[in-house]
Amino acid sequence: LSVQVRVLRDGKPVVAAPARKLTPDATADLARIPLTGAVTLGQLPAGQYEIEIGVTDNLSKTSATQRVGFEIL
């Protein structure tokens, strides 16, 4: 598995972390794999944004993406 995190404004990426390998624990529930990390937002102006997390299964070549909106004041 690999995961990529991006911050979008008006549908366009303004911050993009490089894709990284995600190795779940052998006993993990593969439907819910925990992920932690940090994204620096300090340089972004106030406004509406979305954070997008995409996960790709490199063996089956399938992927899933989730977006959530947030606001910087």
N, C-alpha and C. Protein backbone atom coordinates (compact mmCIF):
# COMPACT_ATOMS: atom_id res chain seq x y z
N LEU A 1 0.84 -1.18 0.00
CA LEU A 1 0.00 0.00 0.00
C LEU A 1 0.88 1.24 0.00
N SER A 2 0.38 2.29 -0.62
CA SER A 2 1.04 3.59 -0.52
C SER A 2 -0.03 4.64 -0.26
N VAL A 3 0.37 5.72 0.41
CA VAL A 3 -0.57 6.77 0.79
C VAL A 3 0.01 8.12 0.38
N GLN A 4 -0.87 9.01 -0.07
CA GLN A 4 -0.46 10.37 -0.38
C GLN A 4 -1.47 11.34 0.21
N VAL A 5 -0.96 12.42 0.80
CA VAL A 5 -1.79 13.45 1.42
C VAL A 5 -1.57 14.75 0.66
N ARG A 6 -2.69 15.41 0.30
CA ARG A 6 -2.62 16.70 -0.39
C ARG A 6 -3.61 17.66 0.26
N VAL A 7 -3.28 18.95 0.21
CA VAL A 7 -4.20 20.01 0.61
C VAL A 7 -4.59 20.73 -0.67
N LEU A 8 -5.91 20.90 -0.87
CA LEU A 8 -6.43 21.50 -2.09
C LEU A 8 -7.14 22.81 -1.78
N ARG A 9 -7.04 23.74 -2.71
CA ARG A 9 -7.83 24.98 -2.66
C ARG A 9 -8.42 25.16 -4.05
N ASP A 10 -9.73 25.29 -4.10
CA ASP A 10 -10.45 25.38 -5.38
C ASP A 10 -10.12 24.19 -6.28
N GLY A 11 -9.96 23.01 -5.66
CA GLY A 11 -9.71 21.79 -6.41
C GLY A 11 -8.29 21.61 -6.90
N LYS A 12 -7.40 22.56 -6.59
CA LYS A 12 -6.01 22.49 -7.05
C LYS A 12 -5.08 22.27 -5.86
N PRO A 13 -4.08 21.39 -6.00
CA PRO A 13 -3.18 21.13 -4.88
C PRO A 13 -2.32 22.35 -4.54
N VAL A 14 -2.25 22.68 -3.24
CA VAL A 14 -1.38 23.75 -2.76
C VAL A 14 -0.28 23.20 -1.85
N VAL A 15 -0.50 22.02 -1.30
CA VAL A 15 0.49 21.29 -0.51
C VAL A 15 0.35 19.83 -0.89
N ALA A 16 1.47 19.17 -1.17
CA ALA A 16 1.43 17.75 -1.49
C ALA A 16 2.63 17.06 -0.85
N ALA A 17 2.33 16.10 0.00
CA ALA A 17 3.39 15.29 0.59
C ALA A 17 3.74 14.17 -0.38
N PRO A 18 4.99 13.77 -0.44
CA PRO A 18 5.34 12.66 -1.33
C PRO A 18 4.61 11.38 -0.88
N ALA A 19 4.28 10.54 -1.84
CA ALA A 19 3.65 9.26 -1.50
C ALA A 19 4.61 8.47 -0.62
N ARG A 20 4.05 7.77 0.35
CA ARG A 20 4.89 6.94 1.22
C ARG A 20 4.30 5.56 1.36
N LYS A 21 5.16 4.61 1.62
CA LYS A 21 4.74 3.22 1.78
C LYS A 21 4.02 3.07 3.11
N LEU A 22 2.95 2.31 3.10
CA LEU A 22 2.16 2.05 4.29
C LEU A 22 2.16 0.55 4.52
N THR A 23 2.73 0.12 5.64
CA THR A 23 2.82 -1.31 5.94
C THR A 23 1.97 -1.61 7.17
N PRO A 24 0.78 -2.17 6.96
CA PRO A 24 -0.08 -2.48 8.11
C PRO A 24 0.48 -3.64 8.93
N ASP A 25 0.19 -3.61 10.21
CA ASP A 25 0.54 -4.70 11.11
C ASP A 25 -0.16 -5.98 10.63
N ALA A 26 0.47 -7.12 10.80
CA ALA A 26 -0.09 -8.39 10.33
C ALA A 26 -1.44 -8.71 10.96
N THR A 27 -1.71 -8.17 12.14
CA THR A 27 -2.98 -8.43 12.81
C THR A 27 -3.99 -7.31 12.58
N ALA A 28 -3.65 -6.34 11.75
CA ALA A 28 -4.51 -5.16 11.55
C ALA A 28 -5.79 -5.52 10.79
N ASP A 29 -6.84 -4.76 11.10
CA ASP A 29 -8.08 -4.82 10.34
C ASP A 29 -7.83 -4.03 9.06
N LEU A 30 -7.72 -4.70 7.93
CA LEU A 30 -7.35 -4.02 6.69
C LEU A 30 -8.42 -3.07 6.18
N ALA A 31 -9.61 -3.10 6.77
CA ALA A 31 -10.65 -2.14 6.40
C ALA A 31 -10.42 -0.79 7.08
N ARG A 32 -9.60 -0.78 8.15
CA ARG A 32 -9.34 0.45 8.90
C ARG A 32 -7.89 0.46 9.36
N ILE A 33 -7.03 1.06 8.58
CA ILE A 33 -5.61 1.12 8.90
C ILE A 33 -5.30 2.50 9.45
N PRO A 34 -4.83 2.60 10.71
CA PRO A 34 -4.54 3.91 11.28
C PRO A 34 -3.36 4.59 10.56
N LEU A 35 -3.44 5.90 10.47
CA LEU A 35 -2.41 6.69 9.82
C LEU A 35 -2.24 7.98 10.60
N THR A 36 -1.01 8.35 10.90
CA THR A 36 -0.74 9.62 11.57
C THR A 36 0.27 10.40 10.75
N GLY A 37 0.26 11.70 10.93
CA GLY A 37 1.22 12.54 10.23
C GLY A 37 0.92 14.00 10.50
N ALA A 38 1.71 14.86 9.91
CA ALA A 38 1.53 16.30 10.08
C ALA A 38 1.68 16.99 8.73
N VAL A 39 0.89 18.04 8.54
CA VAL A 39 0.97 18.86 7.33
C VAL A 39 1.12 20.30 7.79
N THR A 40 2.13 20.99 7.29
CA THR A 40 2.37 22.38 7.66
C THR A 40 1.46 23.30 6.86
N LEU A 41 0.64 24.08 7.57
CA LEU A 41 -0.32 24.97 6.91
C LEU A 41 0.01 26.44 7.14
N GLY A 42 1.05 26.74 7.89
CA GLY A 42 1.37 28.10 8.31
C GLY A 42 1.51 29.10 7.18
N GLN A 43 1.96 28.69 6.01
CA GLN A 43 2.19 29.63 4.91
C GLN A 43 0.94 29.86 4.06
N LEU A 44 -0.14 29.13 4.33
CA LEU A 44 -1.35 29.26 3.51
C LEU A 44 -2.21 30.43 3.97
N PRO A 45 -2.76 31.20 3.04
CA PRO A 45 -3.65 32.30 3.42
C PRO A 45 -5.00 31.78 3.93
N ALA A 46 -5.72 32.64 4.63
CA ALA A 46 -7.05 32.29 5.12
C ALA A 46 -7.94 31.88 3.95
N GLY A 47 -8.85 30.94 4.22
CA GLY A 47 -9.78 30.51 3.18
C GLY A 47 -10.24 29.08 3.37
N GLN A 48 -11.00 28.60 2.40
CA GLN A 48 -11.56 27.25 2.40
C GLN A 48 -10.60 26.30 1.70
N TYR A 49 -10.39 25.13 2.30
CA TYR A 49 -9.48 24.12 1.77
C TYR A 49 -10.11 22.75 1.93
N GLU A 50 -9.49 21.76 1.30
CA GLU A 50 -9.82 20.36 1.51
C GLU A 50 -8.52 19.61 1.74
N ILE A 51 -8.57 18.61 2.63
CA ILE A 51 -7.45 17.69 2.75
C ILE A 51 -7.88 16.41 2.07
N GLU A 52 -6.99 15.87 1.26
CA GLU A 52 -7.28 14.67 0.49
C GLU A 52 -6.27 13.59 0.85
N ILE A 53 -6.77 12.42 1.21
CA ILE A 53 -5.91 11.28 1.51
C ILE A 53 -6.24 10.19 0.51
N GLY A 54 -5.23 9.77 -0.22
CA GLY A 54 -5.40 8.72 -1.22
C GLY A 54 -4.54 7.52 -0.88
N VAL A 55 -5.12 6.34 -0.96
CA VAL A 55 -4.41 5.10 -0.68
C VAL A 55 -4.47 4.23 -1.92
N THR A 56 -3.33 3.69 -2.32
CA THR A 56 -3.25 2.82 -3.49
C THR A 56 -2.73 1.45 -3.08
N ASP A 57 -3.42 0.42 -3.53
CA ASP A 57 -2.95 -0.95 -3.37
C ASP A 57 -2.08 -1.23 -4.59
N ASN A 58 -0.78 -1.27 -4.40
CA ASN A 58 0.14 -1.40 -5.51
C ASN A 58 0.10 -2.78 -6.17
N LEU A 59 -0.42 -3.78 -5.47
CA LEU A 59 -0.53 -5.12 -6.06
C LEU A 59 -1.73 -5.22 -6.99
N SER A 60 -2.88 -4.75 -6.53
CA SER A 60 -4.09 -4.86 -7.35
C SER A 60 -4.32 -3.64 -8.23
N LYS A 61 -3.51 -2.59 -8.05
CA LYS A 61 -3.63 -1.34 -8.82
C LYS A 61 -4.98 -0.66 -8.62
N THR A 62 -5.54 -0.79 -7.40
CA THR A 62 -6.78 -0.10 -7.07
C THR A 62 -6.47 1.00 -6.06
N SER A 63 -7.36 1.99 -5.98
CA SER A 63 -7.13 3.08 -5.05
C SER A 63 -8.44 3.61 -4.50
N ALA A 64 -8.33 4.32 -3.38
CA ALA A 64 -9.47 4.98 -2.76
C ALA A 64 -9.00 6.34 -2.27
N THR A 65 -9.89 7.33 -2.38
CA THR A 65 -9.55 8.70 -1.97
C THR A 65 -10.69 9.26 -1.13
N GLN A 66 -10.32 10.00 -0.08
CA GLN A 66 -11.30 10.65 0.78
C GLN A 66 -10.89 12.11 0.93
N ARG A 67 -11.87 13.02 0.87
CA ARG A 67 -11.63 14.46 1.06
C ARG A 67 -12.51 14.99 2.18
N VAL A 68 -11.95 15.94 2.95
CA VAL A 68 -12.69 16.62 4.01
C VAL A 68 -12.35 18.10 3.93
N GLY A 69 -13.38 18.95 3.99
CA GLY A 69 -13.17 20.38 3.94
C GLY A 69 -12.80 20.96 5.29
N PHE A 70 -12.04 22.06 5.27
CA PHE A 70 -11.71 22.80 6.48
C PHE A 70 -11.44 24.25 6.10
N GLU A 71 -11.39 25.11 7.11
CA GLU A 71 -11.18 26.54 6.88
C GLU A 71 -10.01 27.04 7.71
N ILE A 72 -9.16 27.85 7.09
CA ILE A 72 -8.09 28.55 7.81
C ILE A 72 -8.59 29.97 8.04
N LEU A 73 -8.58 30.38 9.29
CA LEU A 73 -9.08 31.72 9.65
C LEU A 73 -7.96 32.73 9.72
